[in-house]
Amino acid sequence: MDIWTGVEVRHLSALLAVAEERSFRRAARRLGYTQSAISGQIASLERIVGERLVERGRGTARVALTPAGDVLVRHAELVTAQLTEARAELKAVRDAGRLA
């Protein structure tokens, strides 16, 4: 089995939040998690993809994406956009009475 099947939407959401906020603490607050939960999700994602994605600063220093992190963020944006589209389409079908 391909280890990449272990990538979850929550991992990608955490990566996107960290990339946008440049802070684990602010990303956690934004997503309603603890800072340690966000850190754990990023560490898990890094293990799955086999690359370091985030350069962690000390203390309150801002974090930065690695080149691998930049690549994965681009794909995470596409995945989350497609999920948003899917949700909207399913709602439209449900609203039209064609979905149980």
N, C-alpha and C. Protein backbone atom coordinates (compact mmCIF):
# COMPACT_ATOMS: atom_id res chain seq x y z
N MET A 1 0.85 -1.19 0.00
CA MET A 1 0.00 0.00 0.00
C MET A 1 0.89 1.24 0.00
N ASP A 2 0.50 2.24 -0.74
CA ASP A 2 1.21 3.51 -0.84
C ASP A 2 1.00 4.31 0.45
N ILE A 3 2.08 4.72 1.09
CA ILE A 3 1.99 5.47 2.34
C ILE A 3 1.25 6.79 2.16
N TRP A 4 1.25 7.34 0.95
CA TRP A 4 0.56 8.61 0.71
C TRP A 4 -0.94 8.52 0.93
N THR A 5 -1.50 7.30 0.94
CA THR A 5 -2.93 7.17 1.22
C THR A 5 -3.25 7.59 2.66
N GLY A 6 -2.21 7.75 3.48
CA GLY A 6 -2.39 8.22 4.84
C GLY A 6 -2.53 9.72 4.97
N VAL A 7 -2.34 10.45 3.86
CA VAL A 7 -2.53 11.90 3.90
C VAL A 7 -4.01 12.19 4.09
N GLU A 8 -4.32 13.00 5.08
CA GLU A 8 -5.71 13.34 5.39
C GLU A 8 -5.95 14.82 5.16
N VAL A 9 -7.20 15.17 4.96
CA VAL A 9 -7.56 16.56 4.73
C VAL A 9 -7.09 17.43 5.90
N ARG A 10 -7.18 16.91 7.11
CA ARG A 10 -6.75 17.70 8.28
C ARG A 10 -5.27 18.02 8.22
N HIS A 11 -4.45 17.11 7.66
CA HIS A 11 -3.03 17.40 7.48
C HIS A 11 -2.85 18.57 6.52
N LEU A 12 -3.57 18.53 5.42
CA LEU A 12 -3.45 19.59 4.42
C LEU A 12 -3.98 20.91 4.95
N SER A 13 -5.07 20.86 5.71
CA SER A 13 -5.61 22.08 6.31
C SER A 13 -4.61 22.69 7.29
N ALA A 14 -3.96 21.85 8.06
CA ALA A 14 -2.95 22.34 9.00
C ALA A 14 -1.79 22.98 8.25
N LEU A 15 -1.34 22.34 7.19
CA LEU A 15 -0.23 22.89 6.40
C LEU A 15 -0.62 24.23 5.80
N LEU A 16 -1.81 24.33 5.24
CA LEU A 16 -2.26 25.59 4.66
C LEU A 16 -2.34 26.69 5.71
N ALA A 17 -2.86 26.37 6.88
CA ALA A 17 -2.98 27.37 7.94
C ALA A 17 -1.61 27.84 8.41
N VAL A 18 -0.67 26.90 8.58
CA VAL A 18 0.69 27.26 8.99
C VAL A 18 1.34 28.12 7.91
N ALA A 19 1.14 27.75 6.65
CA ALA A 19 1.72 28.52 5.54
C ALA A 19 1.18 29.94 5.51
N GLU A 20 -0.11 30.09 5.73
CA GLU A 20 -0.73 31.41 5.67
C GLU A 20 -0.44 32.25 6.91
N GLU A 21 -0.43 31.62 8.06
CA GLU A 21 -0.24 32.34 9.32
C GLU A 21 1.24 32.51 9.68
N ARG A 22 2.09 31.64 9.12
CA ARG A 22 3.53 31.63 9.44
C ARG A 22 3.77 31.45 10.94
N SER A 23 2.86 30.71 11.55
CA SER A 23 2.93 30.47 12.99
C SER A 23 2.08 29.25 13.34
N PHE A 24 2.65 28.35 14.13
CA PHE A 24 1.88 27.20 14.60
C PHE A 24 0.78 27.66 15.55
N ARG A 25 1.11 28.61 16.41
CA ARG A 25 0.14 29.09 17.40
C ARG A 25 -1.07 29.73 16.71
N ARG A 26 -0.83 30.62 15.77
CA ARG A 26 -1.94 31.28 15.07
C ARG A 26 -2.71 30.29 14.20
N ALA A 27 -2.01 29.35 13.58
CA ALA A 27 -2.70 28.33 12.78
C ALA A 27 -3.62 27.49 13.67
N ALA A 28 -3.13 27.15 14.86
CA ALA A 28 -3.94 26.37 15.79
C ALA A 28 -5.18 27.15 16.21
N ARG A 29 -5.00 28.41 16.54
CA ARG A 29 -6.14 29.24 16.95
C ARG A 29 -7.16 29.33 15.82
N ARG A 30 -6.68 29.53 14.61
CA ARG A 30 -7.56 29.65 13.44
C ARG A 30 -8.39 28.39 13.21
N LEU A 31 -7.77 27.21 13.41
CA LEU A 31 -8.45 25.95 13.14
C LEU A 31 -9.16 25.36 14.36
N GLY A 32 -8.97 25.99 15.52
CA GLY A 32 -9.62 25.48 16.73
C GLY A 32 -8.91 24.29 17.35
N TYR A 33 -7.61 24.18 17.14
CA TYR A 33 -6.79 23.11 17.71
C TYR A 33 -5.81 23.70 18.72
N THR A 34 -5.11 22.83 19.41
CA THR A 34 -3.99 23.26 20.23
C THR A 34 -2.76 23.36 19.33
N GLN A 35 -1.78 24.11 19.79
CA GLN A 35 -0.54 24.24 19.03
C GLN A 35 0.13 22.88 18.87
N SER A 36 0.09 22.05 19.91
CA SER A 36 0.72 20.73 19.82
C SER A 36 0.01 19.84 18.80
N ALA A 37 -1.30 20.00 18.66
CA ALA A 37 -2.04 19.21 17.67
C ALA A 37 -1.62 19.60 16.26
N ILE A 38 -1.46 20.89 16.00
CA ILE A 38 -1.01 21.35 14.68
C ILE A 38 0.40 20.83 14.41
N SER A 39 1.26 20.95 15.40
CA SER A 39 2.63 20.46 15.27
C SER A 39 2.64 18.97 14.95
N GLY A 40 1.78 18.23 15.64
CA GLY A 40 1.68 16.79 15.40
C GLY A 40 1.18 16.46 14.01
N GLN A 41 0.21 17.24 13.52
CA GLN A 41 -0.32 17.00 12.18
C GLN A 41 0.75 17.28 11.11
N ILE A 42 1.51 18.35 11.32
CA ILE A 42 2.58 18.66 10.36
C ILE A 42 3.66 17.59 10.42
N ALA A 43 4.04 17.16 11.62
CA ALA A 43 5.06 16.11 11.76
C ALA A 43 4.59 14.81 11.11
N SER A 44 3.32 14.48 11.28
CA SER A 44 2.76 13.27 10.66
C SER A 44 2.79 13.40 9.14
N LEU A 45 2.41 14.55 8.62
CA LEU A 45 2.43 14.77 7.18
C LEU A 45 3.86 14.67 6.64
N GLU A 46 4.82 15.22 7.38
CA GLU A 46 6.22 15.14 6.95
C GLU A 46 6.70 13.69 6.91
N ARG A 47 6.27 12.88 7.87
CA ARG A 47 6.65 11.46 7.85
C ARG A 47 6.04 10.75 6.64
N ILE A 48 4.78 11.06 6.37
CA ILE A 48 4.09 10.40 5.26
C ILE A 48 4.75 10.73 3.92
N VAL A 49 5.03 12.02 3.70
CA VAL A 49 5.57 12.42 2.39
C VAL A 49 7.09 12.28 2.32
N GLY A 50 7.72 12.05 3.46
CA GLY A 50 9.16 11.83 3.48
C GLY A 50 10.00 13.08 3.25
N GLU A 51 9.43 14.24 3.55
CA GLU A 51 10.13 15.51 3.35
C GLU A 51 9.84 16.45 4.52
N ARG A 52 10.82 17.27 4.84
CA ARG A 52 10.59 18.35 5.80
C ARG A 52 9.82 19.44 5.05
N LEU A 53 8.72 19.87 5.61
CA LEU A 53 7.85 20.83 4.95
C LEU A 53 7.94 22.23 5.55
N VAL A 54 8.29 22.28 6.83
CA VAL A 54 8.30 23.55 7.56
C VAL A 54 9.60 23.69 8.32
N GLU A 55 10.20 24.87 8.23
CA GLU A 55 11.35 25.20 9.07
C GLU A 55 10.78 25.88 10.29
N ARG A 56 10.98 25.26 11.43
CA ARG A 56 10.41 25.77 12.67
C ARG A 56 11.36 26.78 13.31
N GLY A 57 10.82 27.93 13.66
CA GLY A 57 11.61 28.93 14.38
C GLY A 57 11.61 28.64 15.86
N ARG A 58 12.45 29.31 16.57
CA ARG A 58 12.49 29.16 18.03
C ARG A 58 11.54 30.16 18.67
N GLY A 59 10.86 29.71 19.72
CA GLY A 59 9.97 30.61 20.46
C GLY A 59 8.85 31.14 19.58
N THR A 60 8.79 32.46 19.51
CA THR A 60 7.71 33.08 18.73
C THR A 60 8.15 33.43 17.31
N ALA A 61 9.32 32.93 16.91
CA ALA A 61 9.81 33.23 15.55
C ALA A 61 8.84 32.66 14.52
N ARG A 62 8.74 33.36 13.42
CA ARG A 62 7.86 32.91 12.34
C ARG A 62 8.44 31.65 11.70
N VAL A 63 7.55 30.80 11.24
CA VAL A 63 7.99 29.59 10.55
C VAL A 63 8.02 29.88 9.06
N ALA A 64 8.80 29.08 8.33
CA ALA A 64 8.90 29.24 6.89
C ALA A 64 8.73 27.88 6.24
N LEU A 65 8.17 27.88 5.06
CA LEU A 65 8.04 26.63 4.30
C LEU A 65 9.36 26.30 3.64
N THR A 66 9.64 25.03 3.54
CA THR A 66 10.78 24.56 2.75
C THR A 66 10.33 24.53 1.29
N PRO A 67 11.24 24.30 0.36
CA PRO A 67 10.81 24.14 -1.04
C PRO A 67 9.78 23.02 -1.20
N ALA A 68 9.96 21.93 -0.48
CA ALA A 68 8.97 20.83 -0.53
C ALA A 68 7.63 21.30 0.03
N GLY A 69 7.67 22.11 1.08
CA GLY A 69 6.44 22.66 1.65
C GLY A 69 5.71 23.54 0.66
N ASP A 70 6.47 24.36 -0.07
CA ASP A 70 5.85 25.21 -1.10
C ASP A 70 5.13 24.37 -2.14
N VAL A 71 5.76 23.28 -2.58
CA VAL A 71 5.15 22.40 -3.58
C VAL A 71 3.87 21.80 -3.03
N LEU A 72 3.93 21.26 -1.82
CA LEU A 72 2.75 20.59 -1.27
C LEU A 72 1.63 21.59 -0.97
N VAL A 73 1.95 22.81 -0.59
CA VAL A 73 0.91 23.82 -0.37
C VAL A 73 0.13 24.06 -1.65
N ARG A 74 0.82 24.15 -2.78
CA ARG A 74 0.12 24.36 -4.06
C ARG A 74 -0.90 23.24 -4.31
N HIS A 75 -0.49 22.02 -4.03
CA HIS A 75 -1.40 20.89 -4.24
C HIS A 75 -2.50 20.86 -3.18
N ALA A 76 -2.18 21.22 -1.97
CA ALA A 76 -3.19 21.27 -0.91
C ALA A 76 -4.27 22.29 -1.24
N GLU A 77 -3.87 23.41 -1.83
CA GLU A 77 -4.86 24.41 -2.25
C GLU A 77 -5.81 23.84 -3.29
N LEU A 78 -5.27 23.08 -4.23
CA LEU A 78 -6.11 22.46 -5.26
C LEU A 78 -7.07 21.42 -4.66
N VAL A 79 -6.54 20.59 -3.77
CA VAL A 79 -7.37 19.55 -3.13
C VAL A 79 -8.50 20.19 -2.34
N THR A 80 -8.19 21.19 -1.54
CA THR A 80 -9.23 21.81 -0.71
C THR A 80 -10.24 22.56 -1.59
N ALA A 81 -9.78 23.15 -2.69
CA ALA A 81 -10.71 23.82 -3.61
C ALA A 81 -11.66 22.80 -4.24
N GLN A 82 -11.13 21.64 -4.60
CA GLN A 82 -11.99 20.60 -5.18
C GLN A 82 -12.99 20.08 -4.16
N LEU A 83 -12.58 19.95 -2.92
CA LEU A 83 -13.52 19.51 -1.88
C LEU A 83 -14.62 20.54 -1.66
N THR A 84 -14.27 21.82 -1.73
CA THR A 84 -15.26 22.88 -1.60
C THR A 84 -16.27 22.81 -2.74
N GLU A 85 -15.77 22.56 -3.96
CA GLU A 85 -16.65 22.40 -5.12
C GLU A 85 -17.57 21.19 -4.95
N ALA A 86 -17.00 20.09 -4.49
CA ALA A 86 -17.79 18.87 -4.29
C ALA A 86 -18.91 19.11 -3.28
N ARG A 87 -18.57 19.79 -2.19
CA ARG A 87 -19.59 20.10 -1.17
C ARG A 87 -20.71 20.93 -1.78
N ALA A 88 -20.35 21.95 -2.57
CA ALA A 88 -21.35 22.81 -3.19
C ALA A 88 -22.22 22.04 -4.18
N GLU A 89 -21.61 21.17 -4.96
CA GLU A 89 -22.37 20.37 -5.92
C GLU A 89 -23.32 19.41 -5.22
N LEU A 90 -22.86 18.77 -4.16
CA LEU A 90 -23.73 17.86 -3.41
C LEU A 90 -24.89 18.61 -2.78
N LYS A 91 -24.63 19.80 -2.28
CA LYS A 91 -25.70 20.62 -1.71
C LYS A 91 -26.73 20.96 -2.78
N ALA A 92 -26.26 21.32 -3.98
CA ALA A 92 -27.17 21.66 -5.07
C ALA A 92 -28.04 20.46 -5.44
N VAL A 93 -27.43 19.29 -5.50
CA VAL A 93 -28.18 18.08 -5.82
C VAL A 93 -29.19 17.79 -4.70
N ARG A 94 -28.74 17.91 -3.46
CA ARG A 94 -29.64 17.67 -2.32
C ARG A 94 -30.80 18.67 -2.34
N ASP A 95 -30.50 19.94 -2.58
CA ASP A 95 -31.53 20.98 -2.60
C ASP A 95 -32.52 20.74 -3.72
N ALA A 96 -32.08 20.13 -4.81
CA ALA A 96 -32.98 19.83 -5.93
C ALA A 96 -33.80 18.56 -5.67
N GLY A 97 -33.54 17.91 -4.53
CA GLY A 97 -34.31 16.72 -4.16
C GLY A 97 -33.85 15.46 -4.83
N ARG A 98 -32.64 15.47 -5.36
CA ARG A 98 -32.14 14.28 -6.06
C ARG A 98 -31.17 13.48 -5.21
N LEU A 99 -31.02 13.85 -3.96
CA LEU A 99 -30.10 13.14 -3.08
C LEU A 99 -30.83 12.84 -1.80
N ALA A 100 -30.76 11.59 -1.38
CA ALA A 100 -31.49 11.19 -0.16
C ALA A 100 -30.83 11.74 1.07
